[in-house]
N, C-alpha and C. Protein backbone atom coordinates (compact mmCIF):
# COMPACT_ATOMS: atom_id res chain seq x y z
N UNK A 1 179.95 132.31 177.69
CA UNK A 1 180.97 131.43 176.48
C UNK A 1 179.95 130.92 175.59
N UNK A 2 180.04 130.85 174.13
CA UNK A 2 179.03 130.09 173.09
C UNK A 2 179.49 128.56 173.49
N UNK A 3 180.26 128.23 173.56
CA UNK A 3 180.51 126.59 173.59
C UNK A 3 180.04 126.31 174.97
N UNK A 4 179.44 125.22 174.97
CA UNK A 4 179.25 124.51 176.38
C UNK A 4 180.18 123.27 176.66
N UNK A 5 181.15 123.16 176.00
CA UNK A 5 182.03 121.96 176.34
C UNK A 5 182.41 122.00 177.62
N UNK A 6 182.61 122.96 178.32
CA UNK A 6 182.72 122.91 179.87
C UNK A 6 181.98 122.15 180.52
N UNK A 7 180.62 121.61 179.98
CA UNK A 7 179.73 120.99 180.79
C UNK A 7 180.39 119.42 180.95
N UNK A 8 181.29 119.12 179.94
CA UNK A 8 182.17 117.89 180.07
C UNK A 8 182.75 117.59 181.52
N UNK A 9 183.16 118.74 182.05
CA UNK A 9 183.81 118.55 183.24
C UNK A 9 182.84 118.21 184.29
N UNK A 10 181.54 119.10 184.24
CA UNK A 10 180.53 118.51 185.11
C UNK A 10 180.02 117.26 185.08
N UNK A 11 180.23 116.59 183.80
CA UNK A 11 179.56 115.29 183.36
C UNK A 11 180.91 114.46 184.41
N UNK A 12 181.97 114.56 184.31
CA UNK A 12 183.15 113.99 184.86
C UNK A 12 182.90 113.78 186.42
N UNK A 13 182.40 115.14 187.07
CA UNK A 13 182.20 114.57 188.40
C UNK A 13 180.93 114.09 188.85
N UNK A 14 179.83 114.19 187.92
CA UNK A 14 178.73 113.48 188.21
C UNK A 14 178.99 111.93 188.13
N UNK A 15 179.96 111.53 187.04
CA UNK A 15 180.21 110.16 186.96
C UNK A 15 181.20 109.86 188.34
N UNK A 16 182.10 110.52 188.64
CA UNK A 16 182.70 110.24 189.85
C UNK A 16 181.87 109.96 191.02
N UNK A 17 180.91 110.71 191.40
CA UNK A 17 179.98 110.63 192.54
C UNK A 17 179.01 109.47 192.30
N UNK A 18 178.80 109.04 191.06
CA UNK A 18 177.82 108.00 190.94
C UNK A 18 178.68 106.48 191.00
N UNK A 19 179.92 106.53 190.74
CA UNK A 19 180.66 105.52 190.86
C UNK A 19 181.24 105.28 192.37
N UNK A 20 181.48 106.32 192.84
CA UNK A 20 182.28 106.28 194.36
C UNK A 20 181.38 106.58 195.55
N UNK A 21 180.12 107.33 195.07
CA UNK A 21 179.53 107.77 196.31
C UNK A 21 179.87 108.90 196.93
N UNK A 22 179.15 109.45 198.06
CA UNK A 22 179.41 110.60 198.77
C UNK A 22 180.77 110.39 199.50
N UNK A 23 181.96 110.37 198.78
CA UNK A 23 183.27 110.03 199.60
C UNK A 23 184.24 111.05 198.93
N UNK A 24 185.52 111.07 199.17
CA UNK A 24 186.34 112.02 198.83
C UNK A 24 186.61 111.61 197.31
N UNK A 25 186.79 110.22 196.75
CA UNK A 25 186.86 109.86 195.71
C UNK A 25 185.47 110.17 194.78
N UNK A 26 184.63 110.33 195.41
CA UNK A 26 183.44 110.81 194.50
C UNK A 26 183.45 112.17 194.14
N UNK A 27 184.24 112.85 194.67
CA UNK A 27 184.77 114.37 194.49
C UNK A 27 186.00 114.47 193.89
N UNK A 28 186.54 113.21 193.50
CA UNK A 28 187.80 113.18 192.65
C UNK A 28 188.95 113.73 193.50
N UNK A 29 188.85 113.52 194.72
CA UNK A 29 190.13 114.06 195.59
C UNK A 29 190.83 112.66 195.80
N UNK A 30 192.21 112.57 195.68
CA UNK A 30 192.84 111.41 195.96
C UNK A 30 193.07 110.69 197.13
N UNK A 31 192.98 111.83 198.12
CA UNK A 31 193.18 111.24 199.70
C UNK A 31 192.87 112.46 200.52
N UNK A 32 192.53 111.75 201.87
CA UNK A 32 192.00 112.96 202.81
C UNK A 32 192.77 113.97 203.42
N UNK A 33 194.13 113.61 203.68
CA UNK A 33 195.26 114.81 204.27
C UNK A 33 195.23 116.00 203.22
N UNK A 34 195.32 115.59 202.03
CA UNK A 34 195.34 116.73 200.80
C UNK A 34 194.14 117.57 200.94
N UNK A 35 192.94 116.69 200.96
CA UNK A 35 191.55 117.44 200.94
C UNK A 35 191.55 118.56 202.04
N UNK A 36 191.91 117.97 203.37
CA UNK A 36 191.63 118.80 204.44
C UNK A 36 192.76 120.19 204.41
N UNK A 37 193.79 119.62 203.83
CA UNK A 37 194.71 120.82 203.61
C UNK A 37 194.38 121.81 202.65
N UNK A 38 193.68 121.64 201.64
CA UNK A 38 193.08 122.27 200.75
C UNK A 38 192.01 123.12 201.42
N UNK A 39 191.23 122.55 202.07
CA UNK A 39 190.04 123.24 202.87
C UNK A 39 190.65 124.18 203.75
N UNK A 40 191.71 124.08 204.68
CA UNK A 40 192.30 125.03 205.45
C UNK A 40 193.01 126.41 204.61
N UNK A 41 193.51 125.71 203.56
CA UNK A 41 194.26 126.81 202.71
C UNK A 41 193.08 127.86 201.88
N UNK A 42 192.05 127.11 201.58
CA UNK A 42 190.83 127.98 201.22
C UNK A 42 190.36 128.91 202.16
N UNK A 43 190.22 128.47 203.18
CA UNK A 43 189.64 129.21 204.55
C UNK A 43 190.70 130.46 204.90
N UNK A 44 191.72 130.04 204.66
CA UNK A 44 192.82 131.18 204.92
C UNK A 44 192.51 132.45 203.97
N UNK A 45 191.60 132.51 203.18
CA UNK A 45 191.12 133.92 202.57
C UNK A 45 190.72 134.77 203.89
N UNK A 46 189.80 134.44 204.74
CA UNK A 46 189.27 135.10 205.59
C UNK A 46 189.89 135.36 206.86
N UNK A 47 190.06 136.32 207.54
CA UNK A 47 190.77 136.79 208.61
C UNK A 47 189.89 135.74 209.82
N UNK A 48 191.08 135.42 210.71
CA UNK A 48 190.23 134.82 211.86
C UNK A 48 189.33 135.51 212.51
N UNK A 49 188.07 134.91 212.79
CA UNK A 49 187.24 135.80 213.45
C UNK A 49 186.14 136.74 212.77
N UNK A 50 186.32 136.83 211.54
CA UNK A 50 185.84 137.92 210.74
C UNK A 50 184.54 137.47 210.33
N UNK A 51 183.50 137.71 211.05
CA UNK A 51 182.02 137.49 210.70
C UNK A 51 181.75 137.73 209.07
N UNK A 52 181.31 136.71 208.39
CA UNK A 52 181.00 136.93 206.98
C UNK A 52 180.44 135.92 206.45
N UNK A 53 179.56 136.24 204.99
CA UNK A 53 179.00 135.28 204.36
C UNK A 53 179.76 134.83 203.34
N UNK A 54 179.91 133.26 203.22
CA UNK A 54 180.88 132.66 202.29
C UNK A 54 180.12 131.93 201.24
N UNK A 55 180.41 131.92 200.05
CA UNK A 55 179.70 130.96 199.00
C UNK A 55 181.01 129.99 198.67
N UNK A 56 180.47 128.74 198.94
CA UNK A 56 181.35 127.77 198.69
C UNK A 56 181.04 127.34 196.95
N UNK A 57 181.62 127.92 196.10
CA UNK A 57 181.25 127.90 194.65
C UNK A 57 181.93 126.47 194.05
N UNK A 58 181.02 125.71 193.56
CA UNK A 58 181.27 124.25 193.10
C UNK A 58 181.42 123.45 194.31
N UNK A 59 180.46 123.72 195.18
CA UNK A 59 180.46 123.04 196.63
C UNK A 59 180.37 121.49 196.47
N UNK A 60 179.90 120.88 195.45
CA UNK A 60 179.79 119.44 195.31
C UNK A 60 178.90 118.95 196.53
N UNK A 61 179.35 117.81 197.02
CA UNK A 61 178.41 117.19 197.97
C UNK A 61 178.60 117.97 199.53
N UNK A 62 179.01 119.13 199.56
CA UNK A 62 179.16 119.78 200.63
C UNK A 62 180.35 119.38 201.78
N UNK A 63 181.52 118.91 201.34
CA UNK A 63 182.54 118.51 202.02
C UNK A 63 183.25 119.58 202.81
N UNK A 64 183.31 120.62 202.07
CA UNK A 64 184.02 121.82 202.92
C UNK A 64 182.96 122.00 204.00
N UNK A 65 181.80 122.10 204.15
CA UNK A 65 181.07 122.35 205.23
C UNK A 65 180.99 121.40 206.19
N UNK A 66 181.10 120.01 205.66
CA UNK A 66 181.48 119.10 206.88
C UNK A 66 182.82 119.14 207.67
N UNK A 67 183.75 119.56 206.82
CA UNK A 67 185.25 119.89 207.42
C UNK A 67 185.05 121.03 208.56
N UNK A 68 184.27 122.00 208.06
CA UNK A 68 183.98 123.31 209.03
C UNK A 68 183.30 122.80 210.43
N UNK A 69 182.36 122.17 209.98
CA UNK A 69 181.48 121.91 211.46
C UNK A 69 182.22 120.85 212.21
N UNK A 70 183.16 120.23 211.60
CA UNK A 70 183.81 119.14 212.74
C UNK A 70 185.17 119.81 213.21
N UNK A 71 185.25 121.24 213.26
CA UNK A 71 186.38 121.84 213.82
C UNK A 71 186.20 122.31 215.18
N UNK A 72 185.46 121.88 215.95
CA UNK A 72 185.04 122.39 217.36
C UNK A 72 184.67 123.86 217.30
N UNK A 73 183.78 124.19 216.32
CA UNK A 73 183.19 125.39 216.35
C UNK A 73 184.25 126.66 215.73
N UNK A 74 185.30 126.07 215.29
CA UNK A 74 186.55 126.94 214.83
C UNK A 74 186.05 127.91 213.81
N UNK A 75 185.18 127.54 213.07
CA UNK A 75 184.67 128.36 212.00
C UNK A 75 183.21 129.09 212.04
N UNK A 76 182.84 129.06 213.20
CA UNK A 76 181.38 129.38 213.60
C UNK A 76 181.25 130.87 213.33
N UNK A 77 182.01 131.68 212.94
CA UNK A 77 181.89 132.99 212.57
C UNK A 77 181.50 133.12 210.98
N UNK A 78 181.80 131.94 210.35
CA UNK A 78 181.44 132.13 208.88
C UNK A 78 180.00 131.40 208.51
N UNK A 79 179.12 132.34 207.85
CA UNK A 79 177.79 131.95 207.41
C UNK A 79 177.99 131.11 206.00
N UNK A 80 177.74 129.73 205.86
CA UNK A 80 178.21 129.09 204.70
C UNK A 80 177.02 128.96 203.88
N UNK A 81 177.06 129.18 202.59
CA UNK A 81 176.11 128.75 201.56
C UNK A 81 176.93 127.90 200.30
N UNK A 82 176.23 127.11 199.62
CA UNK A 82 177.02 126.55 198.79
C UNK A 82 176.31 126.70 197.31
N UNK A 83 177.01 126.55 196.31
CA UNK A 83 176.60 126.45 194.69
C UNK A 83 177.18 125.63 193.88
N UNK A 84 176.35 125.04 193.34
CA UNK A 84 176.95 124.00 192.01
C UNK A 84 175.97 124.08 190.73
N UNK A 85 176.64 123.59 189.74
CA UNK A 85 175.90 123.52 188.57
C UNK A 85 175.11 122.09 188.45
N UNK A 86 175.35 121.19 189.19
CA UNK A 86 174.76 119.80 189.09
C UNK A 86 173.57 119.82 189.75
N UNK A 87 172.44 119.71 189.28
CA UNK A 87 171.18 119.50 190.12
C UNK A 87 171.08 118.19 190.92
N UNK A 88 171.84 117.05 190.35
CA UNK A 88 172.11 115.92 191.22
C UNK A 88 172.74 116.15 192.44
N UNK A 89 173.86 116.97 192.39
CA UNK A 89 174.74 116.91 193.36
C UNK A 89 174.24 117.72 194.36
N UNK A 90 173.55 119.03 193.99
CA UNK A 90 173.23 120.05 194.81
C UNK A 90 171.73 119.19 195.57
N UNK A 91 171.11 118.64 194.94
CA UNK A 91 169.98 117.81 195.69
C UNK A 91 170.50 116.72 196.89
N UNK A 92 171.71 116.47 196.56
CA UNK A 92 172.48 115.79 197.90
C UNK A 92 172.94 116.34 198.80
N UNK A 93 173.25 117.63 198.55
CA UNK A 93 173.70 118.46 199.62
C UNK A 93 172.58 119.10 200.30
N UNK A 94 171.37 119.23 199.85
CA UNK A 94 170.33 119.84 200.39
C UNK A 94 169.72 118.82 201.25
N UNK A 95 169.72 117.45 200.79
CA UNK A 95 169.37 116.37 201.73
C UNK A 95 170.23 116.37 203.06
N UNK A 96 171.41 116.40 202.75
CA UNK A 96 172.29 116.06 203.98
C UNK A 96 172.37 117.30 205.12
N UNK A 97 172.16 118.61 204.18
CA UNK A 97 172.19 119.87 205.11
C UNK A 97 171.10 120.61 204.82
N UNK A 98 169.78 120.22 205.21
CA UNK A 98 168.52 120.89 205.00
C UNK A 98 168.44 122.32 205.37
N UNK A 99 169.21 122.68 206.56
CA UNK A 99 169.13 124.04 207.09
C UNK A 99 170.17 125.19 206.31
N UNK A 100 171.07 124.49 205.47
CA UNK A 100 171.76 125.53 204.81
C UNK A 100 171.23 125.92 203.32
N UNK A 101 171.66 127.09 202.94
CA UNK A 101 171.42 127.60 201.61
C UNK A 101 172.20 126.91 200.51
N UNK A 102 171.62 126.20 199.40
CA UNK A 102 172.35 125.68 198.51
C UNK A 102 171.66 126.21 196.90
N UNK A 103 172.49 126.52 196.42
CA UNK A 103 171.94 127.06 194.93
C UNK A 103 172.29 126.19 193.78
N UNK A 104 171.74 126.06 192.77
CA UNK A 104 172.01 125.58 191.39
C UNK A 104 171.67 126.51 190.27
N UNK A 105 173.07 126.87 189.91
CA UNK A 105 173.10 127.88 188.50
C UNK A 105 174.26 127.46 187.62
N UNK A 106 174.13 127.64 186.40
CA UNK A 106 175.16 127.67 185.57
C UNK A 106 175.46 128.97 185.28
N UNK A 107 176.31 129.85 185.96
CA UNK A 107 176.50 131.23 185.89
C UNK A 107 176.85 131.74 184.81
N UNK A 108 177.19 130.81 183.67
CA UNK A 108 177.57 131.32 182.39
C UNK A 108 176.30 131.39 181.70
N UNK A 109 175.32 130.77 181.81
CA UNK A 109 174.16 130.60 181.00
C UNK A 109 172.96 131.00 181.81
N UNK A 110 172.80 131.12 183.24
CA UNK A 110 171.55 131.50 184.00
C UNK A 110 171.71 132.87 184.41
N UNK A 111 170.59 133.61 184.69
CA UNK A 111 170.61 134.81 185.25
C UNK A 111 170.64 134.56 186.51
N UNK A 112 171.71 135.22 187.28
CA UNK A 112 172.06 135.02 188.54
C UNK A 112 171.52 136.47 189.36
N UNK A 113 170.97 137.30 188.86
CA UNK A 113 170.54 138.76 189.38
C UNK A 113 169.93 138.49 190.72
N UNK A 114 169.19 137.26 190.86
CA UNK A 114 168.33 136.79 191.98
C UNK A 114 169.49 136.52 193.26
N UNK A 115 170.51 136.23 192.92
CA UNK A 115 171.76 135.78 194.04
C UNK A 115 172.31 137.18 194.38
N UNK A 116 172.09 137.04 195.83
CA UNK A 116 172.71 138.11 196.44
C UNK A 116 174.23 138.01 196.68
N UNK A 117 174.77 139.16 196.75
CA UNK A 117 176.31 139.19 196.85
C UNK A 117 176.69 138.52 197.90
N UNK A 118 177.78 137.99 198.31
CA UNK A 118 178.70 137.49 199.23
C UNK A 118 180.00 138.27 199.77
N UNK A 119 180.40 137.79 200.99
CA UNK A 119 181.48 138.74 201.29
C UNK A 119 182.69 137.99 200.60
N UNK A 120 182.74 136.58 200.53
CA UNK A 120 183.74 135.81 200.06
C UNK A 120 183.26 134.61 199.35
N UNK A 121 183.98 134.16 198.35
CA UNK A 121 183.64 133.04 197.59
C UNK A 121 185.09 132.17 197.47
N UNK A 122 185.00 130.73 197.69
CA UNK A 122 185.93 130.03 197.59
C UNK A 122 185.55 129.02 196.42
N UNK A 123 186.50 128.76 195.38
CA UNK A 123 186.47 127.79 194.17
C UNK A 123 187.35 126.68 194.40
N UNK A 124 187.27 125.84 195.20
CA UNK A 124 188.07 124.59 195.40
C UNK A 124 188.05 123.44 194.73
N UNK A 125 188.92 123.31 193.65
CA UNK A 125 189.14 122.26 192.64
C UNK A 125 188.19 122.52 191.41
N UNK A 126 187.73 123.75 191.30
CA UNK A 126 186.78 124.07 189.91
C UNK A 126 187.65 124.30 188.80
N UNK A 127 189.03 124.72 188.99
CA UNK A 127 189.75 124.82 187.80
C UNK A 127 190.95 123.84 188.05
N UNK A 128 191.01 122.92 188.57
CA UNK A 128 192.17 122.09 188.60
C UNK A 128 192.18 120.99 187.32
N UNK A 129 191.08 120.61 187.18
CA UNK A 129 190.85 119.44 185.99
C UNK A 129 190.33 120.31 184.84
N UNK A 130 190.74 119.99 183.63
CA UNK A 130 190.15 120.61 182.51
C UNK A 130 189.46 119.41 181.75
N UNK A 131 189.84 118.17 181.94
CA UNK A 131 189.05 117.01 181.09
C UNK A 131 189.57 116.99 179.78
N UNK A 132 188.81 117.10 178.73
CA UNK A 132 189.12 116.90 177.50
C UNK A 132 189.31 118.51 176.88
N UNK A 133 189.10 119.57 177.49
CA UNK A 133 189.17 120.79 176.95
C UNK A 133 190.71 121.08 176.74
N UNK A 134 190.87 121.88 175.65
CA UNK A 134 192.21 122.29 175.35
C UNK A 134 192.64 123.45 176.43
N UNK A 135 193.92 123.59 176.40
CA UNK A 135 194.22 124.90 177.40
C UNK A 135 193.51 126.33 177.11
N UNK A 136 193.37 126.64 175.73
CA UNK A 136 192.83 127.60 175.29
C UNK A 136 191.27 127.81 175.62
N UNK A 137 190.66 126.62 175.51
CA UNK A 137 189.28 126.59 176.05
C UNK A 137 189.04 126.52 177.56
N UNK A 138 190.01 126.21 178.26
CA UNK A 138 189.86 126.18 179.48
C UNK A 138 190.29 127.57 180.35
N UNK A 139 191.18 128.00 179.62
CA UNK A 139 191.75 129.61 179.86
C UNK A 139 190.42 130.50 179.63
N UNK A 140 189.67 130.24 178.48
CA UNK A 140 188.60 131.16 178.32
C UNK A 140 187.58 130.68 179.37
N UNK A 141 187.26 129.90 179.65
CA UNK A 141 186.17 129.18 180.54
C UNK A 141 186.65 129.80 182.07
N UNK A 142 188.04 129.57 182.41
CA UNK A 142 188.34 130.16 183.74
C UNK A 142 188.05 131.74 183.75
N UNK A 143 188.54 132.39 182.70
CA UNK A 143 188.32 133.83 182.73
C UNK A 143 186.94 134.21 182.95
N UNK A 144 185.90 133.55 182.17
CA UNK A 144 184.64 134.06 182.28
C UNK A 144 183.94 133.69 183.57
N UNK A 145 184.38 132.46 184.27
CA UNK A 145 183.78 132.08 185.64
C UNK A 145 184.32 133.01 186.46
N UNK A 146 185.87 133.29 186.77
CA UNK A 146 186.25 134.10 187.51
C UNK A 146 185.66 135.54 187.58
N UNK A 147 185.50 136.11 186.30
CA UNK A 147 184.82 137.65 186.37
C UNK A 147 183.51 137.42 186.83
N UNK A 148 182.72 136.70 186.60
CA UNK A 148 181.39 136.63 187.18
C UNK A 148 181.45 136.38 188.82
N UNK A 149 182.20 135.40 189.19
CA UNK A 149 182.15 135.25 190.57
C UNK A 149 182.83 136.16 191.40
N UNK A 150 183.55 136.99 191.01
CA UNK A 150 184.46 138.17 191.40
C UNK A 150 183.39 139.10 191.53
N UNK A 151 182.52 139.41 190.52
CA UNK A 151 181.44 140.34 190.54
C UNK A 151 180.34 140.24 191.78
N UNK A 152 180.30 138.95 192.22
CA UNK A 152 179.08 138.56 193.17
C UNK A 152 179.82 138.66 194.68
N UNK A 153 181.08 139.33 194.69
CA UNK A 153 181.49 139.24 196.33
C UNK A 153 181.94 140.76 196.42
N UNK A 154 181.84 140.87 197.83
CA UNK A 154 182.30 142.44 198.12
C UNK A 154 183.91 142.44 198.73
N UNK A 155 184.47 141.42 199.18
CA UNK A 155 185.64 141.35 199.47
C UNK A 155 186.76 140.62 198.84
N UNK A 156 186.42 139.36 198.58
CA UNK A 156 187.60 138.73 197.88
C UNK A 156 187.25 137.14 197.38
N UNK A 157 187.95 136.63 196.98
CA UNK A 157 187.86 135.02 196.40
C UNK A 157 189.15 134.16 196.32
N UNK A 158 188.95 132.83 196.61
CA UNK A 158 190.08 132.19 196.76
C UNK A 158 189.72 130.96 195.64
N UNK A 159 190.88 130.58 194.97
CA UNK A 159 190.80 129.49 193.89
C UNK A 159 192.15 128.88 193.72
N UNK A 160 191.93 127.54 193.27
CA UNK A 160 193.42 126.98 193.07
C UNK A 160 193.34 126.38 191.63
N UNK A 161 194.68 126.25 191.37
CA UNK A 161 195.02 125.71 189.82
C UNK A 161 196.27 124.87 189.81
N UNK A 162 196.51 124.16 189.03
CA UNK A 162 197.88 123.20 188.94
C UNK A 162 198.90 124.22 188.65
N UNK A 163 199.85 123.80 189.05
CA UNK A 163 201.28 124.41 189.03
C UNK A 163 201.78 124.08 187.72
N UNK A 164 202.67 125.12 187.20
CA UNK A 164 203.66 124.90 186.24
C UNK A 164 205.07 124.46 186.58
N UNK A 165 205.47 124.41 187.74
CA UNK A 165 206.41 123.99 188.26
C UNK A 165 206.60 123.01 188.83
N UNK A 166 206.37 121.88 188.01
CA UNK A 166 206.33 120.38 188.19
C UNK A 166 207.20 119.82 187.12
N UNK A 167 207.65 118.55 187.36
CA UNK A 167 208.46 117.75 186.43
C UNK A 167 207.74 117.16 185.35
N UNK A 168 206.49 117.03 185.56
CA UNK A 168 205.57 116.64 184.36
C UNK A 168 204.11 117.11 184.59
N UNK A 169 203.40 117.39 183.41
CA UNK A 169 202.01 117.75 183.55
C UNK A 169 201.06 116.73 182.98
N UNK A 170 199.86 116.59 183.56
CA UNK A 170 198.85 115.72 183.01
C UNK A 170 198.00 116.37 182.05
N UNK A 171 197.66 115.73 181.02
CA UNK A 171 196.96 116.38 179.85
C UNK A 171 195.48 116.98 180.46
N UNK A 172 194.97 116.26 181.50
CA UNK A 172 193.77 116.48 181.62
C UNK A 172 193.44 117.55 182.99
N UNK A 173 194.62 118.05 183.54
CA UNK A 173 194.63 118.96 184.43
C UNK A 173 195.01 120.53 183.74
N UNK A 174 194.70 121.50 184.43
CA UNK A 174 194.98 122.90 184.10
C UNK A 174 196.05 123.56 184.61
N UNK A 175 197.38 123.44 184.08
CA UNK A 175 198.55 124.08 184.57
C UNK A 175 198.62 125.39 183.95
N UNK A 176 198.43 126.45 184.98
CA UNK A 176 198.24 127.66 184.75
C UNK A 176 199.57 128.58 185.03
N UNK A 177 200.26 129.22 184.19
CA UNK A 177 201.35 129.83 184.28
C UNK A 177 200.89 131.30 185.07
N UNK A 178 201.85 131.40 186.03
CA UNK A 178 201.39 132.65 186.88
C UNK A 178 201.62 133.98 186.35
N UNK A 179 202.42 133.96 185.18
CA UNK A 179 202.61 135.39 184.68
C UNK A 179 201.25 135.58 183.75
N UNK A 180 200.85 134.55 183.34
CA UNK A 180 199.40 134.94 182.42
C UNK A 180 198.48 135.25 183.34
N UNK A 181 198.50 134.59 184.54
CA UNK A 181 197.23 134.72 185.40
C UNK A 181 197.41 136.12 186.09
N UNK A 182 198.68 136.53 186.52
CA UNK A 182 198.62 137.96 187.20
C UNK A 182 198.49 139.12 185.90
N UNK A 183 198.77 138.93 184.85
CA UNK A 183 198.55 139.81 183.71
C UNK A 183 196.95 139.97 183.73
N UNK A 184 196.26 138.92 183.67
CA UNK A 184 195.06 139.05 183.44
C UNK A 184 194.27 139.75 184.87
N UNK A 185 194.60 139.25 185.90
CA UNK A 185 193.87 139.65 187.24
C UNK A 185 193.95 141.35 187.43
N UNK A 186 195.47 141.76 186.98
CA UNK A 186 195.86 143.09 187.12
C UNK A 186 195.08 143.90 186.20
N UNK A 187 194.89 143.55 184.97
CA UNK A 187 194.35 144.24 184.11
C UNK A 187 192.68 144.37 184.11
N UNK A 188 192.12 143.30 184.52
CA UNK A 188 190.73 143.11 184.71
C UNK A 188 190.03 143.09 185.94
N UNK A 189 190.89 142.62 186.92
CA UNK A 189 189.94 142.44 188.17
C UNK A 189 190.45 143.20 189.57
N UNK A 190 191.56 142.92 189.73
CA UNK A 190 192.27 143.44 190.99
C UNK A 190 193.71 143.47 190.99
N UNK A 191 194.52 144.40 191.48
CA UNK A 191 195.93 144.30 191.80
C UNK A 191 196.13 143.86 193.11
N UNK A 192 195.20 143.65 193.88
CA UNK A 192 195.33 142.91 195.31
C UNK A 192 195.09 141.60 195.52
N UNK A 193 196.22 140.81 195.51
CA UNK A 193 196.22 139.23 195.39
C UNK A 193 197.31 138.77 196.03
N UNK A 194 197.26 137.50 196.73
CA UNK A 194 198.14 136.75 197.22
C UNK A 194 198.18 135.40 196.41
N UNK A 195 199.41 134.96 196.24
CA UNK A 195 199.58 133.70 195.53
C UNK A 195 200.31 132.71 196.54
N UNK A 196 199.61 131.47 196.98
CA UNK A 196 200.24 130.72 197.83
C UNK A 196 200.64 129.46 197.17
N UNK A 197 201.93 129.47 197.41
CA UNK A 197 202.71 128.15 196.94
C UNK A 197 203.56 127.59 197.91
N UNK A 198 202.79 127.71 199.31
CA UNK A 198 203.78 127.13 200.37
C UNK A 198 203.29 126.09 201.14
N UNK A 199 202.28 124.92 200.43
CA UNK A 199 201.79 124.14 201.23
C UNK A 199 201.91 122.60 200.73
N UNK A 200 202.82 122.36 199.90
CA UNK A 200 203.39 121.23 199.42
C UNK A 200 202.70 120.46 198.39
N UNK A 201 201.74 121.07 197.95
CA UNK A 201 200.98 120.08 196.77
C UNK A 201 201.35 120.84 195.43
N UNK A 202 201.23 119.88 194.28
CA UNK A 202 201.57 120.44 193.00
C UNK A 202 200.51 121.42 192.31
N UNK A 203 200.25 122.48 193.12
CA UNK A 203 199.12 123.39 192.83
C UNK A 203 199.23 124.65 193.42
N UNK A 204 198.63 125.71 193.05
CA UNK A 204 198.80 127.07 194.03
C UNK A 204 197.48 127.21 194.15
N UNK A 205 197.20 128.54 195.22
CA UNK A 205 196.11 129.20 195.58
C UNK A 205 196.27 130.39 195.44
N UNK A 206 195.19 130.97 195.00
CA UNK A 206 195.16 132.57 194.79
C UNK A 206 193.95 133.08 195.86
N UNK A 207 194.43 134.19 196.46
CA UNK A 207 193.53 135.20 197.27
C UNK A 207 193.49 136.50 196.43
N UNK A 208 192.12 136.74 195.80
CA UNK A 208 192.12 137.75 195.01
C UNK A 208 191.14 138.58 195.64
N UNK A 209 191.52 139.89 196.25
CA UNK A 209 190.83 140.78 196.96
C UNK A 209 190.24 142.01 196.19
N UNK A 210 189.17 142.67 196.55
CA UNK A 210 188.58 143.89 195.90
C UNK A 210 189.76 144.94 196.20
């Protein structure tokens, strides 16, 4: 992408963590129950017990990893790594979890050839907020990002966006029509996907497989 207006989204999340600290509000999530539900839905991308390498793309302060490690070894078969564009936030994750691999990249600008492929990647909350981007700007950003991330996995990715099946839409959120998304995925990435709209939030999650 020529425009770097998407960096406004990164600034938003950095401002949240500066204001609220290493908390769910610092990640701009409204409550713990919904956050935990999202973690479970994202990890549903992977078959139970399937040993794999997972990239938490847009990992923030590593809250997904915290959830995984607090589940009585339920997710021990998953080898976790995190990636975020924010040097500030990645530094926090490295300080909290020094034994983990954390990467700091702007994948639309940086050379990521040094980054090995993963089996799976999850993008939890990466595309739910568009802040001051127009829909078209966010749609272009989404397509550019998904294309690069999908190329860095061998099996599949999971991501969530805001639903269009709502009574009203917020201007700062990315409400993506499923027909537009499906047309893009089937023509450019894969026809092998699942859309999950069964968990009670005003969003949906997509599992996109190779």
